[in-house]
C-alpha atoms as a PDB file:
ATOM      1  CA  GLY A   1     256.285  68.740 -64.550  1.00  0.00           C
ATOM      2  CA  ASP A   2     256.594  70.549 -67.807  1.00  0.00           C
ATOM      3  CA  SER A   3     259.932  68.836 -68.650  1.00  0.00           C
ATOM      4  CA  SER A   4     261.521  72.232 -69.346  1.00  0.00           C
ATOM      5  CA  ASP A   5     264.511  71.143 -67.252  1.00  0.00           C
ATOM      6  CA  GLU A   6     265.048  68.323 -69.744  1.00  0.00           C
ATOM      7  CA  GLU A   7     265.449  70.547 -72.807  1.00  0.00           C
ATOM      8  CA  ALA A   8     268.321  69.277 -74.932  1.00  0.00           C
ATOM      9  CA  GLY A   9     270.229  72.569 -74.645  1.00  0.00           C
ATOM     10  CA  LEU A  10     270.090  72.492 -70.851  1.00  0.00           C
ATOM     11  CA  CYS A  11     271.152  68.838 -70.823  1.00  0.00           C
ATOM     12  CA  LYS A  12     274.178  69.442 -73.069  1.00  0.00           C
ATOM     13  CA  GLY A  13     272.624  67.491 -75.902  1.00  0.00           C
ATOM     14  CA  CYS A  14     271.741  64.575 -73.625  1.00  0.00           C
ATOM     15  CA  GLU A  15     275.417  63.685 -73.083  1.00  0.00           C
ATOM     16  CA  ASP A  16     274.679  62.149 -69.692  1.00  0.00           C
ATOM     17  CA  PRO A  17     274.715  58.343 -70.194  1.00  0.00           C
ATOM     18  CA  ALA A  18     271.478  58.108 -68.196  1.00  0.00           C
ATOM     19  CA  LEU A  19     269.688  60.259 -70.810  1.00  0.00           C
ATOM     20  CA  GLU A  20     268.742  59.910 -74.430  1.00  0.00           C
ATOM     21  CA  MET A  21     267.449  62.403 -76.970  1.00  0.00           C
ATOM     22  CA  CYS A  22     263.781  62.437 -77.899  1.00  0.00           C
ATOM     23  CA  GLN A  23     263.157  61.819 -81.591  1.00  0.00           C
ATOM     24  CA  ASP A  24     262.276  65.498 -82.168  1.00  0.00           C
ATOM     25  CA  ARG A  25     265.705  66.408 -80.730  1.00  0.00           C
ATOM     26  CA  LYS A  26     264.099  69.053 -78.481  1.00  0.00           C
ATOM     27  CA  SER A  27     264.451  67.317 -75.121  1.00  0.00           C
ATOM     28  CA  CYS A  28     265.987  64.427 -73.239  1.00  0.00           C
ATOM     29  CA  VAL A  29     264.421  61.525 -71.380  1.00  0.00           C
ATOM     30  CA  GLY A  30     265.884  59.069 -68.900  1.00  0.00           C
ATOM     31  CA  ARG A  31     266.892  55.739 -70.416  1.00  0.00           C
ATOM     32  CA  SER A  32     265.280  53.621 -67.699  1.00  0.00           C
ATOM     33  CA  PHE A  33     261.638  52.793 -66.975  1.00  0.00           C
ATOM     34  CA  SER A  34     261.833  54.459 -63.559  1.00  0.00           C
ATOM     35  CA  SER A  35     263.121  57.683 -65.097  1.00  0.00           C
ATOM     36  CA  GLY A  36     260.392  57.921 -67.705  1.00  0.00           C
ATOM     37  CA  LYS A  37     261.260  55.916 -70.812  1.00  0.00           C
ATOM     38  CA  CYS A  38     258.770  53.272 -71.927  1.00  0.00           C
ATOM     39  CA  ASN A  39     256.599  53.640 -68.832  1.00  0.00           C
ATOM     40  CA  GLY A  40     253.448  54.442 -70.799  1.00  0.00           C
ATOM     41  CA  GLU A  41     253.470  58.116 -69.813  1.00  0.00           C
ATOM     42  CA  PRO A  42     255.014  60.372 -72.506  1.00  0.00           C
ATOM     43  CA  GLU A  43     257.894  62.518 -71.324  1.00  0.00           C
ATOM     44  CA  CYS A  44     258.874  63.679 -74.822  1.00  0.00           C
ATOM     45  CA  ALA A  45     256.634  66.238 -76.531  1.00  0.00           C
ATOM     46  CA  ASP A  46     256.552  63.966 -79.608  1.00  0.00           C
ATOM     47  CA  GLN A  47     255.823  60.893 -77.415  1.00  0.00           C
ATOM     48  CA  SER A  48     258.854  59.123 -78.905  1.00  0.00           C
ATOM     49  CA  ASP A  49     259.839  57.795 -75.474  1.00  0.00           C
ATOM     50  CA  GLU A  50     256.720  55.594 -75.719  1.00  0.00           C
ATOM     51  CA  TRP A  51     257.088  54.409 -79.323  1.00  0.00           C
ATOM     52  CA  PRO A  52     257.077  50.592 -79.484  1.00  0.00           C
ATOM     53  CA  GLU A  53     260.196  50.498 -81.681  1.00  0.00           C
ATOM     54  CA  ARG A  54     262.120  52.368 -78.978  1.00  0.00           C
ATOM     55  CA  CYS A  55     260.568  50.346 -76.130  1.00  0.00           C
ATOM     56  CA  ASN A  56     261.163  46.704 -77.049  1.00  0.00           C
ATOM     57  CA  ASN A  57     257.593  46.526 -78.399  1.00  0.00           C
ATOM     58  CA  CYS A  58     256.101  47.686 -75.059  1.00  0.00           C
ATOM     59  CA  SER A  59     257.299  44.507 -73.395  1.00  0.00           C
ATOM     60  CA  HIS A  60     257.731  45.981 -69.903  1.00  0.00           C
ATOM     61  CA  GLN A  61     255.351  44.230 -67.522  1.00  0.00           C
ATOM     62  CA  ASN A  62     253.630  47.519 -66.630  1.00  0.00           C
ATOM     63  CA  THR A  63     252.774  48.548 -70.202  1.00  0.00           C
ATOM     64  CA  PHE A  64     250.730  47.457 -73.189  1.00  0.00           C
ATOM     65  CA  ARG A  65     250.745  48.523 -76.832  1.00  0.00           C
ATOM     66  CA  CYS A  66     247.974  50.195 -78.791  1.00  0.00           C
ATOM     67  CA  SER A  67     247.233  52.999 -81.188  1.00  0.00           C
ATOM     68  CA  HIS A  68     245.932  56.169 -79.498  1.00  0.00           C
ATOM     69  CA  LYS A  69     244.669  58.960 -81.735  1.00  0.00           C
ATOM     70  CA  GLY A  70     246.482  57.287 -84.627  1.00  0.00           C
ATOM     71  CA  VAL A  71     249.837  57.052 -82.818  1.00  0.00           C
ATOM     72  CA  ASP A  72     251.169  53.565 -82.044  1.00  0.00           C
ATOM     73  CA  ARG A  73     252.582  53.758 -78.514  1.00  0.00           C
ATOM     74  CA  CYS A  74     253.012  52.096 -75.151  1.00  0.00           C
ATOM     75  CA  GLN A  75     250.350  52.748 -72.521  1.00  0.00           C
ATOM     76  CA  PRO A  76     250.549  52.140 -68.749  1.00  0.00           C
ATOM     77  CA  ASN A  77     248.670  49.081 -67.499  1.00  0.00           C
ATOM     78  CA  TRP A  78     246.602  51.188 -65.086  1.00  0.00           C
ATOM     79  CA  LYS A  79     244.695  52.391 -68.160  1.00  0.00           C
ATOM     80  CA  LEU A  80     243.474  48.840 -68.877  1.00  0.00           C
ATOM     81  CA  CYS A  81     239.840  48.263 -67.893  1.00  0.00           C
ATOM     82  CA  ASN A  82     239.405  51.721 -66.387  1.00  0.00           C
ATOM     83  CA  GLY A  83     236.289  52.446 -68.438  1.00  0.00           C
ATOM     84  CA  ASN A  84     237.934  55.215 -70.465  1.00  0.00           C
ATOM     85  CA  PRO A  85     239.181  53.853 -73.821  1.00  0.00           C
ATOM     86  CA  GLN A  86     242.747  54.831 -74.660  1.00  0.00           C
ATOM     87  CA  CYS A  87     243.089  52.632 -77.740  1.00  0.00           C
ATOM     88  CA  ASP A  88     241.508  53.561 -81.046  1.00  0.00           C
ATOM     89  CA  ASP A  89     240.160  50.004 -81.390  1.00  0.00           C
ATOM     90  CA  TYR A  90     238.897  49.873 -77.748  1.00  0.00           C
ATOM     91  CA  VAL A  91     241.067  46.803 -77.030  1.00  0.00           C
ATOM     92  CA  ASP A  92     242.037  48.213 -73.613  1.00  0.00           C
ATOM     93  CA  GLU A  93     238.375  48.048 -72.550  1.00  0.00           C
ATOM     94  CA  ASN A  94     237.531  44.692 -74.168  1.00  0.00           C
ATOM     95  CA  PRO A  95     235.163  42.692 -71.937  1.00  0.00           C
ATOM     96  CA  SER A  96     237.259  39.553 -72.482  1.00  0.00           C
ATOM     97  CA  ILE A  97     240.150  41.107 -70.526  1.00  0.00           C
ATOM     98  CA  CYS A  98     237.961  43.213 -68.223  1.00  0.00           C
ATOM     99  CA  GLN A  99     235.999  40.459 -66.471  1.00  0.00           C
ATOM    100  CA  SER A 100     232.957  41.218 -68.642  1.00  0.00           C
ATOM    101  CA  CYS A 101     232.796  44.762 -67.241  1.00  0.00           C
ATOM    102  CA  SER A 102     231.949  43.422 -63.774  1.00  0.00           C
ATOM    103  CA  LYS A 103     234.265  45.805 -61.923  1.00  0.00           C
ATOM    104  CA  PRO A 104     232.249  48.330 -59.868  1.00  0.00           C
ATOM    105  CA  GLY A 105     231.692  51.520 -61.822  1.00  0.00           C
ATOM    106  CA  LEU A 106     231.813  49.855 -65.261  1.00  0.00           C
ATOM    107  CA  ARG A 107     229.064  48.884 -67.660  1.00  0.00           C
ATOM    108  CA  MET A 108     229.190  47.129 -71.003  1.00  0.00           C
ATOM    109  CA  CYS A 109     228.495  49.110 -74.155  1.00  0.00           C
ATOM    110  CA  ASN A 110     225.461  47.894 -76.091  1.00  0.00           C
ATOM    111  CA  ASP A 111     227.635  46.450 -78.875  1.00  0.00           C
ATOM    112  CA  LYS A 112     229.505  44.393 -76.235  1.00  0.00           C
ATOM    113  CA  ARG A 113     232.869  45.532 -77.688  1.00  0.00           C
ATOM    114  CA  SER A 114     234.000  47.511 -74.659  1.00  0.00           C
ATOM    115  CA  CYS A 115     233.397  48.614 -71.092  1.00  0.00           C
ATOM    116  CA  VAL A 116     232.707  52.208 -70.123  1.00  0.00           C
ATOM    117  CA  SER A 117     232.881  53.986 -66.798  1.00  0.00           C
ATOM    118  CA  VAL A 118     229.453  54.972 -65.483  1.00  0.00           C
ATOM    119  CA  SER A 119     230.984  58.382 -64.676  1.00  0.00           C
ATOM    120  CA  LEU A 120     231.406  58.946 -68.434  1.00  0.00           C
ATOM    121  CA  LEU A 121     227.816  58.117 -69.393  1.00  0.00           C
ATOM    122  CA  CYS A 122     225.890  60.982 -70.963  1.00  0.00           C
ATOM    123  CA  ASP A 123     228.862  63.371 -70.848  1.00  0.00           C
ATOM    124  CA  GLY A 124     228.574  64.385 -74.504  1.00  0.00           C
ATOM    125  CA  VAL A 125     231.701  62.421 -75.511  1.00  0.00           C
ATOM    126  CA  GLN A 126     231.529  59.058 -77.280  1.00  0.00           C
ATOM    127  CA  HIS A 127     233.346  56.384 -75.272  1.00  0.00           C
ATOM    128  CA  CYS A 128     231.585  53.336 -76.788  1.00  0.00           C
ATOM    129  CA  SER A 129     232.157  52.533 -80.458  1.00  0.00           C
ATOM    130  CA  ASP A 130     228.366  52.382 -80.914  1.00  0.00           C
ATOM    131  CA  SER A 131     227.772  55.632 -78.935  1.00  0.00           C
ATOM    132  CA  SER A 132     225.530  53.735 -76.513  1.00  0.00           C
ATOM    133  CA  ASP A 133     227.138  55.608 -73.621  1.00  0.00           C
ATOM    134  CA  GLU A 134     225.450  58.732 -74.951  1.00  0.00           C
ATOM    135  CA  CYS A 135     222.069  57.228 -75.863  1.00  0.00           C
ATOM    136  CA  ALA A 136     221.507  54.951 -72.899  1.00  0.00           C
ATOM    137  CA  GLU A 137     218.194  54.969 -71.041  1.00  0.00           C
ATOM    138  CA  GLN A 138     219.605  57.301 -68.400  1.00  0.00           C
ATOM    139  CA  CYS A 139     220.297  60.057 -70.953  1.00  0.00           C
ATOM    140  CA  ASN A 140     217.350  62.412 -71.246  1.00  0.00           C
ATOM    141  CA  ASN A 141     218.549  64.243 -74.327  1.00  0.00           C
ATOM    142  CA  CYS A 142     218.546  61.465 -76.909  1.00  0.00           C
ATOM    143  CA  SER A 143     216.725  58.349 -78.022  1.00  0.00           C
ATOM    144  CA  ASP A 144     218.008  54.928 -78.999  1.00  0.00           C
END
């Protein structure tokens, strides 16, 4: 939901031992993976529940670490090799960990640095570091 029921004031300053305060001190998050902390999905508005330094360096088996929009954080493993880069350096879509983009629905970017979902080709948003997802043969509005 919107996490409004986890606002620090409503949670008595996160006094419950199962909760901890987000870094911005505006809300609380559960201390365990199953209750939201370090699961790769931000529960805190400031994403501090997914910061590597608060999550044992993203060591949970269901997460990996990368920088997303300049913020170093834990990501959920389901975002690996899904054809939609979550990491600024595209490491989550690297062909070496994504079976050379052989999963149905993926194709390799021209620079061979990452895989991209065919559903994201020609959508006006760069998903390949070389922009080849926007200038591929199937796009009518640009040339290589």
